[in-house]
Amino acid sequence: MSHVDFVGPPPKQRNTKHARIAGSLRQHPQEWGVVRTPSTSVRAASAAQAIRSARLPAYEPAGSFEAVSRTVIRNNGDVEHRVYARYVGAEQ
């Protein structure tokens, strides 16, 4: 049998990538920012939906962030999938 250390609950992960993104957006309310550039349009759309619905705690409450995905063609002709998001405040 293995030894188990009982040290209490795990620490809350407040400095995650998403917490930093959400914090930056909150510091610039109503301003759109590119928060991700996923490899596919499907992943971009999924990420935007996750932000809008607050699937991750960093974006709570649901509706306090707007997010959209767009596919753009860069100057060199490469295609880039982007997730744009902005903080709009908590719903009243």
N, C-alpha and C. Protein backbone atom coordinates (compact mmCIF):
# COMPACT_ATOMS: atom_id res chain seq x y z
N MET A 1 0.84 -1.18 0.00
CA MET A 1 0.00 0.00 0.00
C MET A 1 0.88 1.24 0.00
N SER A 2 0.49 2.25 -0.75
CA SER A 2 1.23 3.50 -0.87
C SER A 2 0.89 4.44 0.26
N HIS A 3 1.85 5.31 0.57
CA HIS A 3 1.67 6.33 1.60
C HIS A 3 0.88 7.51 1.02
N VAL A 4 -0.02 8.08 1.80
CA VAL A 4 -0.80 9.24 1.38
C VAL A 4 -0.55 10.38 2.35
N ASP A 5 -0.24 11.56 1.83
CA ASP A 5 -0.10 12.76 2.66
C ASP A 5 -1.39 13.57 2.56
N PHE A 6 -2.01 13.80 3.70
CA PHE A 6 -3.22 14.62 3.74
C PHE A 6 -2.81 16.03 4.15
N VAL A 7 -2.78 16.94 3.17
CA VAL A 7 -2.27 18.28 3.41
C VAL A 7 -3.32 19.37 3.18
N GLY A 8 -4.54 18.98 3.01
CA GLY A 8 -5.60 19.96 2.79
C GLY A 8 -5.97 20.06 1.33
N PRO A 9 -6.88 20.95 1.00
CA PRO A 9 -7.33 21.06 -0.40
C PRO A 9 -6.24 21.67 -1.27
N PRO A 10 -6.29 21.39 -2.57
CA PRO A 10 -5.30 21.98 -3.47
C PRO A 10 -5.50 23.49 -3.56
N PRO A 11 -4.45 24.23 -3.82
CA PRO A 11 -4.59 25.69 -3.93
C PRO A 11 -5.42 26.04 -5.16
N LYS A 12 -6.13 27.15 -5.06
CA LYS A 12 -6.89 27.62 -6.22
C LYS A 12 -5.91 28.17 -7.24
N GLN A 13 -6.15 27.85 -8.49
CA GLN A 13 -5.28 28.28 -9.58
C GLN A 13 -5.77 29.63 -10.10
N ARG A 14 -5.42 30.71 -9.45
CA ARG A 14 -5.90 32.03 -9.83
C ARG A 14 -5.04 32.69 -10.91
N ASN A 15 -3.84 32.20 -11.11
CA ASN A 15 -2.96 32.83 -12.09
C ASN A 15 -2.83 31.97 -13.34
N THR A 16 -3.96 31.46 -13.79
CA THR A 16 -3.94 30.65 -15.00
C THR A 16 -3.89 31.55 -16.23
N LYS A 17 -3.64 30.95 -17.37
CA LYS A 17 -3.62 31.69 -18.63
C LYS A 17 -4.94 32.43 -18.82
N HIS A 18 -6.05 31.77 -18.54
CA HIS A 18 -7.36 32.39 -18.74
C HIS A 18 -7.62 33.50 -17.72
N ALA A 19 -7.14 33.35 -16.51
CA ALA A 19 -7.30 34.41 -15.51
C ALA A 19 -6.54 35.65 -15.95
N ARG A 20 -5.36 35.46 -16.52
CA ARG A 20 -4.58 36.61 -17.01
C ARG A 20 -5.26 37.28 -18.20
N ILE A 21 -5.81 36.48 -19.12
CA ILE A 21 -6.52 37.04 -20.27
C ILE A 21 -7.74 37.82 -19.81
N ALA A 22 -8.55 37.21 -18.95
CA ALA A 22 -9.76 37.87 -18.46
C ALA A 22 -9.41 39.14 -17.69
N GLY A 23 -8.35 39.10 -16.91
CA GLY A 23 -7.91 40.28 -16.17
C GLY A 23 -7.50 41.41 -17.09
N SER A 24 -6.79 41.08 -18.15
CA SER A 24 -6.38 42.10 -19.12
C SER A 24 -7.60 42.72 -19.81
N LEU A 25 -8.57 41.88 -20.17
CA LEU A 25 -9.77 42.39 -20.82
C LEU A 25 -10.57 43.29 -19.86
N ARG A 26 -10.62 42.91 -18.60
CA ARG A 26 -11.33 43.74 -17.61
C ARG A 26 -10.67 45.11 -17.44
N GLN A 27 -9.37 45.17 -17.61
CA GLN A 27 -8.66 46.45 -17.49
C GLN A 27 -8.92 47.38 -18.67
N HIS A 28 -9.47 46.82 -19.76
CA HIS A 28 -9.76 47.61 -20.97
C HIS A 28 -11.20 47.32 -21.41
N PRO A 29 -12.18 47.69 -20.57
CA PRO A 29 -13.57 47.37 -20.90
C PRO A 29 -13.98 47.93 -22.26
N GLN A 30 -14.79 47.18 -22.94
CA GLN A 30 -15.36 47.53 -24.25
C GLN A 30 -14.35 47.49 -25.39
N GLU A 31 -13.08 47.21 -25.13
CA GLU A 31 -12.07 47.15 -26.19
C GLU A 31 -11.89 45.70 -26.64
N TRP A 32 -11.95 45.48 -27.93
CA TRP A 32 -11.74 44.14 -28.48
C TRP A 32 -10.25 43.82 -28.48
N GLY A 33 -9.93 42.59 -28.12
CA GLY A 33 -8.56 42.11 -28.18
C GLY A 33 -8.52 40.72 -28.77
N VAL A 34 -7.45 40.40 -29.47
CA VAL A 34 -7.25 39.04 -29.98
C VAL A 34 -6.65 38.24 -28.83
N VAL A 35 -7.38 37.23 -28.37
CA VAL A 35 -6.94 36.47 -27.20
C VAL A 35 -6.39 35.10 -27.56
N ARG A 36 -6.67 34.63 -28.77
CA ARG A 36 -6.13 33.34 -29.22
C ARG A 36 -6.03 33.33 -30.73
N THR A 37 -5.13 32.50 -31.23
CA THR A 37 -5.05 32.23 -32.66
C THR A 37 -4.93 30.72 -32.84
N PRO A 38 -6.05 30.00 -32.68
CA PRO A 38 -6.04 28.54 -32.80
C PRO A 38 -5.72 28.09 -34.22
N SER A 39 -5.46 26.81 -34.35
CA SER A 39 -5.04 26.27 -35.65
C SER A 39 -6.20 26.06 -36.62
N THR A 40 -7.44 26.02 -36.13
CA THR A 40 -8.58 25.80 -37.02
C THR A 40 -9.72 26.75 -36.66
N SER A 41 -10.62 26.94 -37.62
CA SER A 41 -11.79 27.78 -37.36
C SER A 41 -12.73 27.13 -36.35
N VAL A 42 -12.77 25.82 -36.33
CA VAL A 42 -13.62 25.11 -35.36
C VAL A 42 -13.13 25.36 -33.94
N ARG A 43 -11.82 25.30 -33.74
CA ARG A 43 -11.27 25.58 -32.41
C ARG A 43 -11.48 27.04 -32.02
N ALA A 44 -11.38 27.93 -32.97
CA ALA A 44 -11.62 29.35 -32.68
C ALA A 44 -13.08 29.56 -32.25
N ALA A 45 -14.00 28.96 -32.96
CA ALA A 45 -15.43 29.10 -32.62
C ALA A 45 -15.71 28.50 -31.25
N SER A 46 -15.10 27.37 -30.95
CA SER A 46 -15.29 26.72 -29.66
C SER A 46 -14.75 27.58 -28.52
N ALA A 47 -13.58 28.18 -28.73
CA ALA A 47 -13.00 29.03 -27.71
C ALA A 47 -13.86 30.27 -27.46
N ALA A 48 -14.38 30.86 -28.53
CA ALA A 48 -15.26 32.03 -28.38
C ALA A 48 -16.51 31.65 -27.60
N GLN A 49 -17.09 30.50 -27.90
CA GLN A 49 -18.28 30.05 -27.17
C GLN A 49 -17.97 29.80 -25.69
N ALA A 50 -16.80 29.25 -25.41
CA ALA A 50 -16.41 28.99 -24.02
C ALA A 50 -16.28 30.29 -23.23
N ILE A 51 -15.79 31.34 -23.87
CA ILE A 51 -15.67 32.64 -23.20
C ILE A 51 -17.05 33.23 -22.96
N ARG A 52 -17.90 33.23 -23.99
CA ARG A 52 -19.25 33.81 -23.86
C ARG A 52 -20.08 33.13 -22.78
N SER A 53 -19.97 31.81 -22.71
CA SER A 53 -20.80 31.06 -21.76
C SER A 53 -20.14 30.90 -20.40
N ALA A 54 -18.95 31.44 -20.23
CA ALA A 54 -18.19 31.34 -18.98
C ALA A 54 -17.99 29.89 -18.57
N ARG A 55 -17.66 29.06 -19.56
CA ARG A 55 -17.37 27.66 -19.27
C ARG A 55 -16.16 27.54 -18.34
N LEU A 56 -15.30 28.55 -18.38
CA LEU A 56 -14.16 28.62 -17.46
C LEU A 56 -14.44 29.72 -16.44
N PRO A 57 -14.14 29.48 -15.16
CA PRO A 57 -14.46 30.46 -14.11
C PRO A 57 -13.88 31.86 -14.34
N ALA A 58 -12.78 31.97 -15.05
CA ALA A 58 -12.16 33.28 -15.27
C ALA A 58 -13.10 34.24 -15.99
N TYR A 59 -14.06 33.71 -16.76
CA TYR A 59 -14.95 34.55 -17.56
C TYR A 59 -16.34 34.70 -16.94
N GLU A 60 -16.47 34.35 -15.67
CA GLU A 60 -17.77 34.49 -14.99
C GLU A 60 -18.02 35.94 -14.63
N PRO A 61 -19.29 36.32 -14.51
CA PRO A 61 -20.49 35.54 -14.82
C PRO A 61 -20.71 35.48 -16.34
N ALA A 62 -21.45 34.47 -16.76
CA ALA A 62 -21.76 34.33 -18.18
C ALA A 62 -22.40 35.61 -18.69
N GLY A 63 -21.98 36.04 -19.85
CA GLY A 63 -22.51 37.26 -20.44
C GLY A 63 -21.68 38.49 -20.15
N SER A 64 -20.68 38.37 -19.29
CA SER A 64 -19.86 39.55 -18.99
C SER A 64 -18.74 39.76 -20.00
N PHE A 65 -18.56 38.78 -20.89
CA PHE A 65 -17.59 38.90 -21.97
C PHE A 65 -18.29 38.60 -23.28
N GLU A 66 -17.95 39.35 -24.31
CA GLU A 66 -18.36 39.02 -25.66
C GLU A 66 -17.17 38.39 -26.35
N ALA A 67 -17.43 37.45 -27.24
CA ALA A 67 -16.34 36.82 -27.98
C ALA A 67 -16.85 36.34 -29.32
N VAL A 68 -16.02 36.49 -30.33
CA VAL A 68 -16.33 36.03 -31.68
C VAL A 68 -15.08 35.42 -32.29
N SER A 69 -15.29 34.58 -33.28
CA SER A 69 -14.15 34.03 -34.01
C SER A 69 -14.21 34.54 -35.44
N ARG A 70 -13.05 34.79 -36.00
CA ARG A 70 -12.95 35.26 -37.37
C ARG A 70 -11.74 34.62 -38.03
N THR A 71 -11.88 34.34 -39.31
CA THR A 71 -10.77 33.85 -40.11
C THR A 71 -10.34 35.02 -41.00
N VAL A 72 -9.08 35.37 -40.92
CA VAL A 72 -8.57 36.51 -41.68
C VAL A 72 -7.41 36.05 -42.57
N ILE A 73 -7.21 36.79 -43.64
CA ILE A 73 -6.07 36.53 -44.52
C ILE A 73 -5.05 37.61 -44.24
N ARG A 74 -3.88 37.18 -43.82
CA ARG A 74 -2.80 38.12 -43.50
C ARG A 74 -2.18 38.66 -44.78
N ASN A 75 -1.34 39.68 -44.64
CA ASN A 75 -0.71 40.33 -45.79
C ASN A 75 0.08 39.37 -46.67
N ASN A 76 0.65 38.35 -46.07
CA ASN A 76 1.46 37.40 -46.85
C ASN A 76 0.61 36.28 -47.47
N GLY A 77 -0.73 36.35 -47.28
CA GLY A 77 -1.63 35.36 -47.86
C GLY A 77 -1.96 34.21 -46.93
N ASP A 78 -1.28 34.11 -45.79
CA ASP A 78 -1.59 33.05 -44.84
C ASP A 78 -2.95 33.29 -44.19
N VAL A 79 -3.63 32.21 -43.89
CA VAL A 79 -4.92 32.28 -43.20
C VAL A 79 -4.66 32.16 -41.71
N GLU A 80 -5.34 33.01 -40.94
CA GLU A 80 -5.20 32.97 -39.48
C GLU A 80 -6.59 32.97 -38.86
N HIS A 81 -6.78 32.08 -37.88
CA HIS A 81 -8.05 31.99 -37.16
C HIS A 81 -7.86 32.72 -35.84
N ARG A 82 -8.73 33.68 -35.57
CA ARG A 82 -8.58 34.50 -34.38
C ARG A 82 -9.81 34.43 -33.50
N VAL A 83 -9.57 34.59 -32.20
CA VAL A 83 -10.65 34.74 -31.24
C VAL A 83 -10.53 36.15 -30.67
N TYR A 84 -11.54 36.95 -30.91
CA TYR A 84 -11.62 38.30 -30.38
C TYR A 84 -12.55 38.28 -29.17
N ALA A 85 -12.19 39.02 -28.14
CA ALA A 85 -13.03 39.08 -26.95
C ALA A 85 -12.95 40.47 -26.34
N ARG A 86 -13.99 40.80 -25.58
CA ARG A 86 -13.99 42.06 -24.82
C ARG A 86 -14.85 41.91 -23.60
N TYR A 87 -14.51 42.66 -22.58
CA TYR A 87 -15.26 42.68 -21.32
C TYR A 87 -16.35 43.73 -21.46
N VAL A 88 -17.58 43.34 -21.19
CA VAL A 88 -18.71 44.27 -21.30
C VAL A 88 -19.37 44.50 -19.94
N GLY A 89 -18.86 43.85 -18.91
CA GLY A 89 -19.43 44.01 -17.57
C GLY A 89 -20.46 42.95 -17.27
N ALA A 90 -20.74 42.81 -16.01
CA ALA A 90 -21.70 41.80 -15.58
C ALA A 90 -23.10 42.20 -16.03
N GLU A 91 -23.91 41.21 -16.38
CA GLU A 91 -25.30 41.49 -16.75
C GLU A 91 -26.06 41.95 -15.53
N GLN A 92 -26.93 42.90 -15.77
CA GLN A 92 -27.74 43.45 -14.66
C GLN A 92 -28.99 42.62 -14.46
